[in-house]
PDB file of N, CA and C in Angstrom:
ATOM      1  N   MET A   1      -2.815  -5.238  14.576  1.00  0.00           N
ATOM      2  CA  MET A   1      -2.353  -6.612  14.654  1.00  0.00           C
ATOM      3  C   MET A   1      -2.503  -7.260  13.282  1.00  0.00           C
ATOM      4  N   LEU A   2      -1.516  -8.024  12.897  1.00  0.00           N
ATOM      5  CA  LEU A   2      -1.538  -8.701  11.616  1.00  0.00           C
ATOM      6  C   LEU A   2      -2.295 -10.016  11.741  1.00  0.00           C
ATOM      7  N   PHE A   3      -3.273 -10.244  10.865  1.00  0.00           N
ATOM      8  CA  PHE A   3      -4.017 -11.486  10.879  1.00  0.00           C
ATOM      9  C   PHE A   3      -3.240 -12.581  10.152  1.00  0.00           C
ATOM     10  N   PHE A   4      -2.438 -12.172   9.188  1.00  0.00           N
ATOM     11  CA  PHE A   4      -1.660 -13.105   8.403  1.00  0.00           C
ATOM     12  C   PHE A   4      -0.188 -12.944   8.762  1.00  0.00           C
ATOM     13  N   ARG A   5       0.611 -13.857   8.314  1.00  0.00           N
ATOM     14  CA  ARG A   5       2.037 -13.824   8.612  1.00  0.00           C
ATOM     15  C   ARG A   5       2.717 -12.617   7.974  1.00  0.00           C
ATOM     16  N   LYS A   6       2.295 -12.244   6.763  1.00  0.00           N
ATOM     17  CA  LYS A   6       2.877 -11.092   6.075  1.00  0.00           C
ATOM     18  C   LYS A   6       1.803 -10.049   5.783  1.00  0.00           C
ATOM     19  N   ALA A   7       2.218  -8.794   5.743  1.00  0.00           N
ATOM     20  CA  ALA A   7       1.299  -7.704   5.419  1.00  0.00           C
ATOM     21  C   ALA A   7       1.992  -6.736   4.469  1.00  0.00           C
ATOM     22  N   PHE A   8       1.248  -6.211   3.521  1.00  0.00           N
ATOM     23  CA  PHE A   8       1.753  -5.282   2.505  1.00  0.00           C
ATOM     24  C   PHE A   8       1.093  -3.929   2.743  1.00  0.00           C
ATOM     25  N   GLY A   9       1.906  -2.882   2.874  1.00  0.00           N
ATOM     26  CA  GLY A   9       1.381  -1.549   3.127  1.00  0.00           C
ATOM     27  C   GLY A   9       1.714  -0.583   2.009  1.00  0.00           C
ATOM     28  N   ILE A  10       0.769   0.287   1.701  1.00  0.00           N
ATOM     29  CA  ILE A  10       0.945   1.327   0.683  1.00  0.00           C
ATOM     30  C   ILE A  10       0.597   2.662   1.327  1.00  0.00           C
ATOM     31  N   ASP A  11       1.516   3.619   1.234  1.00  0.00           N
ATOM     32  CA  ASP A  11       1.282   4.956   1.786  1.00  0.00           C
ATOM     33  C   ASP A  11       1.380   5.961   0.649  1.00  0.00           C
ATOM     34  N   PHE A  12       0.245   6.560   0.286  1.00  0.00           N
ATOM     35  CA  PHE A  12       0.209   7.583  -0.757  1.00  0.00           C
ATOM     36  C   PHE A  12       0.451   8.928  -0.098  1.00  0.00           C
ATOM     37  N   ARG A  13       1.488   9.611  -0.511  1.00  0.00           N
ATOM     38  CA  ARG A  13       1.760  10.957  -0.012  1.00  0.00           C
ATOM     39  C   ARG A  13       1.686  11.926  -1.174  1.00  0.00           C
ATOM     40  N   THR A  14       1.806  13.215  -0.893  1.00  0.00           N
ATOM     41  CA  THR A  14       1.660  14.221  -1.944  1.00  0.00           C
ATOM     42  C   THR A  14       2.616  13.978  -3.104  1.00  0.00           C
ATOM     43  N   ASN A  15       3.900  13.819  -2.823  1.00  0.00           N
ATOM     44  CA  ASN A  15       4.898  13.637  -3.877  1.00  0.00           C
ATOM     45  C   ASN A  15       5.701  12.358  -3.706  1.00  0.00           C
ATOM     46  N   ARG A  16       5.167  11.404  -2.954  1.00  0.00           N
ATOM     47  CA  ARG A  16       5.908  10.171  -2.680  1.00  0.00           C
ATOM     48  C   ARG A  16       4.947   8.985  -2.645  1.00  0.00           C
ATOM     49  N   LEU A  17       5.518   7.821  -2.894  1.00  0.00           N
ATOM     50  CA  LEU A  17       4.802   6.563  -2.737  1.00  0.00           C
ATOM     51  C   LEU A  17       5.705   5.671  -1.891  1.00  0.00           C
ATOM     52  N   VAL A  18       5.182   5.177  -0.782  1.00  0.00           N
ATOM     53  CA  VAL A  18       5.954   4.315   0.112  1.00  0.00           C
ATOM     54  C   VAL A  18       5.286   2.945   0.146  1.00  0.00           C
ATOM     55  N   LEU A  19       6.084   1.898  -0.126  1.00  0.00           N
ATOM     56  CA  LEU A  19       5.603   0.524  -0.107  1.00  0.00           C
ATOM     57  C   LEU A  19       6.409  -0.243   0.934  1.00  0.00           C
ATOM     58  N   ILE A  20       5.738  -1.092   1.714  1.00  0.00           N
ATOM     59  CA  ILE A  20       6.419  -1.834   2.773  1.00  0.00           C
ATOM     60  C   ILE A  20       5.826  -3.236   2.889  1.00  0.00           C
ATOM     61  N   LEU A  21       6.699  -4.193   3.168  1.00  0.00           N
ATOM     62  CA  LEU A  21       6.278  -5.565   3.399  1.00  0.00           C
ATOM     63  C   LEU A  21       6.723  -5.956   4.801  1.00  0.00           C
ATOM     64  N   LEU A  22       5.758  -6.337   5.629  1.00  0.00           N
ATOM     65  CA  LEU A  22       6.020  -6.690   7.029  1.00  0.00           C
ATOM     66  C   LEU A  22       5.779  -8.177   7.250  1.00  0.00           C
ATOM     67  N   GLU A  23       6.456  -8.723   8.261  1.00  0.00           N
ATOM     68  CA  GLU A  23       6.246 -10.119   8.631  1.00  0.00           C
ATOM     69  C   GLU A  23       6.093 -10.229  10.135  1.00  0.00           C
ATOM     70  N   LYS A  24       5.080 -10.993  10.553  1.00  0.00           N
ATOM     71  CA  LYS A  24       4.844 -11.229  11.971  1.00  0.00           C
ATOM     72  C   LYS A  24       5.658 -12.456  12.382  1.00  0.00           C
ATOM     73  N   SER A  25       6.338 -12.347  13.517  1.00  0.00           N
ATOM     74  CA  SER A  25       7.099 -13.475  14.040  1.00  0.00           C
ATOM     75  C   SER A  25       6.928 -13.506  15.554  1.00  0.00           C
ATOM     76  N   LEU A  26       7.554 -14.464  16.196  1.00  0.00           N
ATOM     77  CA  LEU A  26       7.452 -14.559  17.655  1.00  0.00           C
ATOM     78  C   LEU A  26       8.026 -13.326  18.347  1.00  0.00           C
ATOM     79  N   GLY A  27       9.037 -12.723  17.751  1.00  0.00           N
ATOM     80  CA  GLY A  27       9.673 -11.555  18.344  1.00  0.00           C
ATOM     81  C   GLY A  27       8.967 -10.248  18.048  1.00  0.00           C
ATOM     82  N   GLY A  28       7.892 -10.286  17.283  1.00  0.00           N
ATOM     83  CA  GLY A  28       7.166  -9.070  16.941  1.00  0.00           C
ATOM     84  C   GLY A  28       6.997  -8.954  15.439  1.00  0.00           C
ATOM     85  N   VAL A  29       7.075  -7.738  14.939  1.00  0.00           N
ATOM     86  CA  VAL A  29       6.913  -7.475  13.513  1.00  0.00           C
ATOM     87  C   VAL A  29       8.225  -6.945  12.967  1.00  0.00           C
ATOM     88  N   LYS A  30       8.662  -7.495  11.812  1.00  0.00           N
ATOM     89  CA  LYS A  30       9.889  -7.000  11.206  1.00  0.00           C
ATOM     90  C   LYS A  30       9.615  -6.566   9.774  1.00  0.00           C
ATOM     91  N   VAL A  31      10.431  -5.637   9.295  1.00  0.00           N
ATOM     92  CA  VAL A  31      10.321  -5.127   7.935  1.00  0.00           C
ATOM     93  C   VAL A  31      11.107  -6.058   7.015  1.00  0.00           C
ATOM     94  N   LEU A  32      10.419  -6.645   6.033  1.00  0.00           N
ATOM     95  CA  LEU A  32      11.083  -7.503   5.052  1.00  0.00           C
ATOM     96  C   LEU A  32      11.601  -6.703   3.879  1.00  0.00           C
ATOM     97  N   SER A  33      10.830  -5.692   3.455  1.00  0.00           N
ATOM     98  CA  SER A  33      11.229  -4.855   2.325  1.00  0.00           C
ATOM     99  C   SER A  33      10.532  -3.505   2.439  1.00  0.00           C
ATOM    100  N   TYR A  34      11.213  -2.488   1.918  1.00  0.00           N
ATOM    101  CA  TYR A  34      10.705  -1.122   2.003  1.00  0.00           C
ATOM    102  C   TYR A  34      11.158  -0.380   0.756  1.00  0.00           C
ATOM    103  N   SER A  35      10.258   0.304   0.091  1.00  0.00           N
ATOM    104  CA  SER A  35      10.599   1.114  -1.072  1.00  0.00           C
ATOM    105  C   SER A  35       9.929   2.470  -0.946  1.00  0.00           C
ATOM    106  N   ASP A  36      10.682   3.514  -1.247  1.00  0.00           N
ATOM    107  CA  ASP A  36      10.195   4.891  -1.159  1.00  0.00           C
ATOM    108  C   ASP A  36      10.488   5.556  -2.501  1.00  0.00           C
ATOM    109  N   TYR A  37       9.453   5.947  -3.218  1.00  0.00           N
ATOM    110  CA  TYR A  37       9.604   6.518  -4.553  1.00  0.00           C
ATOM    111  C   TYR A  37       9.166   7.977  -4.563  1.00  0.00           C
ATOM    112  N   GLU A  38       9.965   8.812  -5.199  1.00  0.00           N
ATOM    113  CA  GLU A  38       9.568  10.199  -5.413  1.00  0.00           C
ATOM    114  C   GLU A  38       8.674  10.241  -6.640  1.00  0.00           C
ATOM    115  N   LEU A  39       7.578  10.967  -6.545  1.00  0.00           N
ATOM    116  CA  LEU A  39       6.653  11.109  -7.658  1.00  0.00           C
ATOM    117  C   LEU A  39       6.670  12.548  -8.148  1.00  0.00           C
ATOM    118  N   PRO A  40       7.385  12.803  -9.236  1.00  0.00           N
ATOM    119  CA  PRO A  40       7.419  14.171  -9.754  1.00  0.00           C
ATOM    120  C   PRO A  40       6.045  14.583 -10.276  1.00  0.00           C
ATOM    121  N   PRO A  41       5.793  15.888 -10.306  1.00  0.00           N
ATOM    122  CA  PRO A  41       4.495  16.355 -10.822  1.00  0.00           C
ATOM    123  C   PRO A  41       4.343  15.921 -12.284  1.00  0.00           C
ATOM    124  N   GLU A  42       3.246  15.275 -12.576  1.00  0.00           N
ATOM    125  CA  GLU A  42       2.957  14.786 -13.921  1.00  0.00           C
ATOM    126  C   GLU A  42       1.471  14.963 -14.179  1.00  0.00           C
ATOM    127  N   GLU A  43       1.091  14.680 -15.390  1.00  0.00           N
ATOM    128  CA  GLU A  43      -0.331  14.622 -15.704  1.00  0.00           C
ATOM    129  C   GLU A  43      -0.968  13.523 -14.858  1.00  0.00           C
ATOM    130  N   LYS A  44      -2.225  13.660 -14.550  1.00  0.00           N
ATOM    131  CA  LYS A  44      -2.923  12.700 -13.691  1.00  0.00           C
ATOM    132  C   LYS A  44      -2.799  11.272 -14.229  1.00  0.00           C
ATOM    133  N   ASP A  45      -3.033  11.082 -15.531  1.00  0.00           N
ATOM    134  CA  ASP A  45      -2.990   9.745 -16.120  1.00  0.00           C
ATOM    135  C   ASP A  45      -1.583   9.154 -16.059  1.00  0.00           C
ATOM    136  N   GLU A  46      -0.566   9.982 -16.322  1.00  0.00           N
ATOM    137  CA  GLU A  46       0.821   9.508 -16.267  1.00  0.00           C
ATOM    138  C   GLU A  46       1.203   9.115 -14.842  1.00  0.00           C
ATOM    139  N   ARG A  47       0.810   9.933 -13.905  1.00  0.00           N
ATOM    140  CA  ARG A  47       1.115   9.656 -12.493  1.00  0.00           C
ATOM    141  C   ARG A  47       0.423   8.371 -12.031  1.00  0.00           C
ATOM    142  N   GLU A  48      -0.842   8.217 -12.405  1.00  0.00           N
ATOM    143  CA  GLU A  48      -1.595   7.023 -12.033  1.00  0.00           C
ATOM    144  C   GLU A  48      -0.943   5.770 -12.624  1.00  0.00           C
ATOM    145  N   ALA A  49      -0.530   5.838 -13.881  1.00  0.00           N
ATOM    146  CA  ALA A  49       0.123   4.695 -14.529  1.00  0.00           C
ATOM    147  C   ALA A  49       1.444   4.367 -13.845  1.00  0.00           C
ATOM    148  N   ARG A  50       2.201   5.388 -13.454  1.00  0.00           N
ATOM    149  CA  ARG A  50       3.483   5.169 -12.769  1.00  0.00           C
ATOM    150  C   ARG A  50       3.253   4.504 -11.412  1.00  0.00           C
ATOM    151  N   VAL A  51       2.283   4.991 -10.646  1.00  0.00           N
ATOM    152  CA  VAL A  51       1.987   4.430  -9.324  1.00  0.00           C
ATOM    153  C   VAL A  51       1.548   2.969  -9.461  1.00  0.00           C
ATOM    154  N   ILE A  52       0.658   2.694 -10.400  1.00  0.00           N
ATOM    155  CA  ILE A  52       0.191   1.320 -10.612  1.00  0.00           C
ATOM    156  C   ILE A  52       1.359   0.417 -10.994  1.00  0.00           C
ATOM    157  N   GLY A  53       2.238   0.897 -11.861  1.00  0.00           N
ATOM    158  CA  GLY A  53       3.405   0.120 -12.265  1.00  0.00           C
ATOM    159  C   GLY A  53       4.333  -0.182 -11.098  1.00  0.00           C
ATOM    160  N   LEU A  54       4.588   0.815 -10.254  1.00  0.00           N
ATOM    161  CA  LEU A  54       5.463   0.609  -9.090  1.00  0.00           C
ATOM    162  C   LEU A  54       4.864  -0.403  -8.114  1.00  0.00           C
ATOM    163  N   ILE A  55       3.570  -0.292  -7.868  1.00  0.00           N
ATOM    164  CA  ILE A  55       2.906  -1.231  -6.962  1.00  0.00           C
ATOM    165  C   ILE A  55       2.934  -2.643  -7.547  1.00  0.00           C
ATOM    166  N   ASN A  56       2.613  -2.787  -8.826  1.00  0.00           N
ATOM    167  CA  ASN A  56       2.619  -4.104  -9.462  1.00  0.00           C
ATOM    168  C   ASN A  56       4.018  -4.718  -9.454  1.00  0.00           C
ATOM    169  N   ASP A  57       5.057  -3.916  -9.696  1.00  0.00           N
ATOM    170  CA  ASP A  57       6.439  -4.412  -9.676  1.00  0.00           C
ATOM    171  C   ASP A  57       6.810  -4.913  -8.279  1.00  0.00           C
ATOM    172  N   PHE A  58       6.457  -4.140  -7.243  1.00  0.00           N
ATOM    173  CA  PHE A  58       6.759  -4.519  -5.858  1.00  0.00           C
ATOM    174  C   PHE A  58       6.042  -5.824  -5.508  1.00  0.00           C
ATOM    175  N   MET A  59       4.784  -5.921  -5.912  1.00  0.00           N
ATOM    176  CA  MET A  59       4.011  -7.123  -5.620  1.00  0.00           C
ATOM    177  C   MET A  59       4.591  -8.339  -6.339  1.00  0.00           C
ATOM    178  N   ALA A  60       4.987  -8.186  -7.578  1.00  0.00           N
ATOM    179  CA  ALA A  60       5.565  -9.296  -8.339  1.00  0.00           C
ATOM    180  C   ALA A  60       6.902  -9.723  -7.731  1.00  0.00           C
ATOM    181  N   LYS A  61       7.729  -8.752  -7.362  1.00  0.00           N
ATOM    182  CA  LYS A  61       9.043  -9.045  -6.786  1.00  0.00           C
ATOM    183  C   LYS A  61       8.923  -9.857  -5.497  1.00  0.00           C
ATOM    184  N   HIS A  62       7.880  -9.581  -4.710  1.00  0.00           N
ATOM    185  CA  HIS A  62       7.715 -10.226  -3.406  1.00  0.00           C
ATOM    186  C   HIS A  62       6.617 -11.292  -3.398  1.00  0.00           C
ATOM    187  N   HIS A  63       6.130 -11.656  -4.590  1.00  0.00           N
ATOM    188  CA  HIS A  63       5.130 -12.716  -4.741  1.00  0.00           C
ATOM    189  C   HIS A  63       3.887 -12.453  -3.887  1.00  0.00           C
ATOM    190  N   ILE A  64       3.399 -11.212  -3.948  1.00  0.00           N
ATOM    191  CA  ILE A  64       2.189 -10.822  -3.218  1.00  0.00           C
ATOM    192  C   ILE A  64       1.009 -11.001  -4.166  1.00  0.00           C
ATOM    193  N   ARG A  65       0.076 -11.846  -3.782  1.00  0.00           N
ATOM    194  CA  ARG A  65      -1.100 -12.094  -4.614  1.00  0.00           C
ATOM    195  C   ARG A  65      -2.122 -10.971  -4.417  1.00  0.00           C
ATOM    196  N   LYS A  66      -2.751 -10.570  -5.507  1.00  0.00           N
ATOM    197  CA  LYS A  66      -3.730  -9.476  -5.458  1.00  0.00           C
ATOM    198  C   LYS A  66      -4.896  -9.767  -4.527  1.00  0.00           C
ATOM    199  N   GLU A  67      -5.315 -11.022  -4.441  1.00  0.00           N
ATOM    200  CA  GLU A  67      -6.445 -11.353  -3.570  1.00  0.00           C
ATOM    201  C   GLU A  67      -6.074 -11.319  -2.099  1.00  0.00           C
ATOM    202  N   ARG A  68      -4.796 -11.121  -1.769  1.00  0.00           N
ATOM    203  CA  ARG A  68      -4.357 -11.038  -0.377  1.00  0.00           C
ATOM    204  C   ARG A  68      -4.047  -9.592   0.043  1.00  0.00           C
ATOM    205  N   VAL A  69      -4.453  -8.622  -0.774  1.00  0.00           N
ATOM    206  CA  VAL A  69      -4.215  -7.213  -0.465  1.00  0.00           C
ATOM    207  C   VAL A  69      -5.492  -6.617   0.117  1.00  0.00           C
ATOM    208  N   TYR A  70      -5.361  -5.959   1.250  1.00  0.00           N
ATOM    209  CA  TYR A  70      -6.486  -5.299   1.911  1.00  0.00           C
ATOM    210  C   TYR A  70      -6.167  -3.812   2.013  1.00  0.00           C
ATOM    211  N   VAL A  71      -7.170  -2.991   1.916  1.00  0.00           N
ATOM    212  CA  VAL A  71      -6.986  -1.548   1.943  1.00  0.00           C
ATOM    213  C   VAL A  71      -7.548  -0.985   3.241  1.00  0.00           C
ATOM    214  N   SER A  72      -6.782  -0.113   3.850  1.00  0.00           N
ATOM    215  CA  SER A  72      -7.227   0.587   5.045  1.00  0.00           C
ATOM    216  C   SER A  72      -7.029   2.078   4.809  1.00  0.00           C
ATOM    217  N   ILE A  73      -8.063   2.839   5.039  1.00  0.00           N
ATOM    218  CA  ILE A  73      -8.006   4.283   4.820  1.00  0.00           C
ATOM    219  C   ILE A  73      -8.164   4.978   6.169  1.00  0.00           C
ATOM    220  N   PRO A  74      -7.270   5.937   6.471  1.00  0.00           N
ATOM    221  CA  PRO A  74      -7.386   6.637   7.754  1.00  0.00           C
ATOM    222  C   PRO A  74      -8.752   7.307   7.896  1.00  0.00           C
ATOM    223  N   ARG A  75      -9.272   7.276   9.093  1.00  0.00           N
ATOM    224  CA  ARG A  75     -10.597   7.822   9.380  1.00  0.00           C
ATOM    225  C   ARG A  75     -10.732   9.284   8.949  1.00  0.00           C
ATOM    226  N   ASP A  76      -9.668  10.071   9.101  1.00  0.00           N
ATOM    227  CA  ASP A  76      -9.753  11.495   8.753  1.00  0.00           C
ATOM    228  C   ASP A  76      -9.766  11.739   7.244  1.00  0.00           C
ATOM    229  N   LYS A  77      -9.544  10.697   6.441  1.00  0.00           N
ATOM    230  CA  LYS A  77      -9.546  10.829   4.979  1.00  0.00           C
ATOM    231  C   LYS A  77     -10.818  10.264   4.344  1.00  0.00           C
ATOM    232  N   VAL A  78     -11.769   9.827   5.166  1.00  0.00           N
ATOM    233  CA  VAL A  78     -12.959   9.155   4.663  1.00  0.00           C
ATOM    234  C   VAL A  78     -14.196   9.978   4.954  1.00  0.00           C
ATOM    235  N   MET A  79     -15.131   9.942   4.019  1.00  0.00           N
ATOM    236  CA  MET A  79     -16.422  10.541   4.243  1.00  0.00           C
ATOM    237  C   MET A  79     -17.441   9.407   4.157  1.00  0.00           C
ATOM    238  N   ALA A  80     -18.232   9.243   5.172  1.00  0.00           N
ATOM    239  CA  ALA A  80     -19.219   8.156   5.199  1.00  0.00           C
ATOM    240  C   ALA A  80     -20.610   8.735   5.272  1.00  0.00           C
ATOM    241  N   ARG A  81     -21.513   8.058   4.604  1.00  0.00           N
ATOM    242  CA  ARG A  81     -22.912   8.460   4.636  1.00  0.00           C
ATOM    243  C   ARG A  81     -23.728   7.189   4.869  1.00  0.00           C
ATOM    244  N   PHE A  82     -24.586   7.236   5.862  1.00  0.00           N
ATOM    245  CA  PHE A  82     -25.425   6.089   6.190  1.00  0.00           C
ATOM    246  C   PHE A  82     -26.838   6.374   5.644  1.00  0.00           C
ATOM    247  N   ILE A  83     -27.370   5.411   4.937  1.00  0.00           N
ATOM    248  CA  ILE A  83     -28.692   5.544   4.341  1.00  0.00           C
ATOM    249  C   ILE A  83     -29.588   4.441   4.887  1.00  0.00           C
ATOM    250  N   LYS A  84     -30.747   4.810   5.411  1.00  0.00           N
ATOM    251  CA  LYS A  84     -31.703   3.836   5.909  1.00  0.00           C
ATOM    252  C   LYS A  84     -32.606   3.423   4.752  1.00  0.00           C
ATOM    253  N   LEU A  85     -32.719   2.116   4.547  1.00  0.00           N
ATOM    254  CA  LEU A  85     -33.587   1.621   3.465  1.00  0.00           C
ATOM    255  C   LEU A  85     -34.868   1.084   4.023  1.00  0.00           C
TER     256      LEU A  85
END
């Protein structure tokens, strides 16, 4: 469920970057914008710079403020360790 009227999603795949902007309305959720970029094999630094540039361009185009971006990582991609102090 979207807490805000609009939500910005980033999907990192092996050779692709998918960016999506969603909006909540009375009729449900609709897609406002969607971009799918192919990421050719590159050096790590070059690839990272390209991904950051694409995300920043998408955010600027749609007036998405950095402080309104939240990150969600799928449970199967996370390693958690609990430490008792």
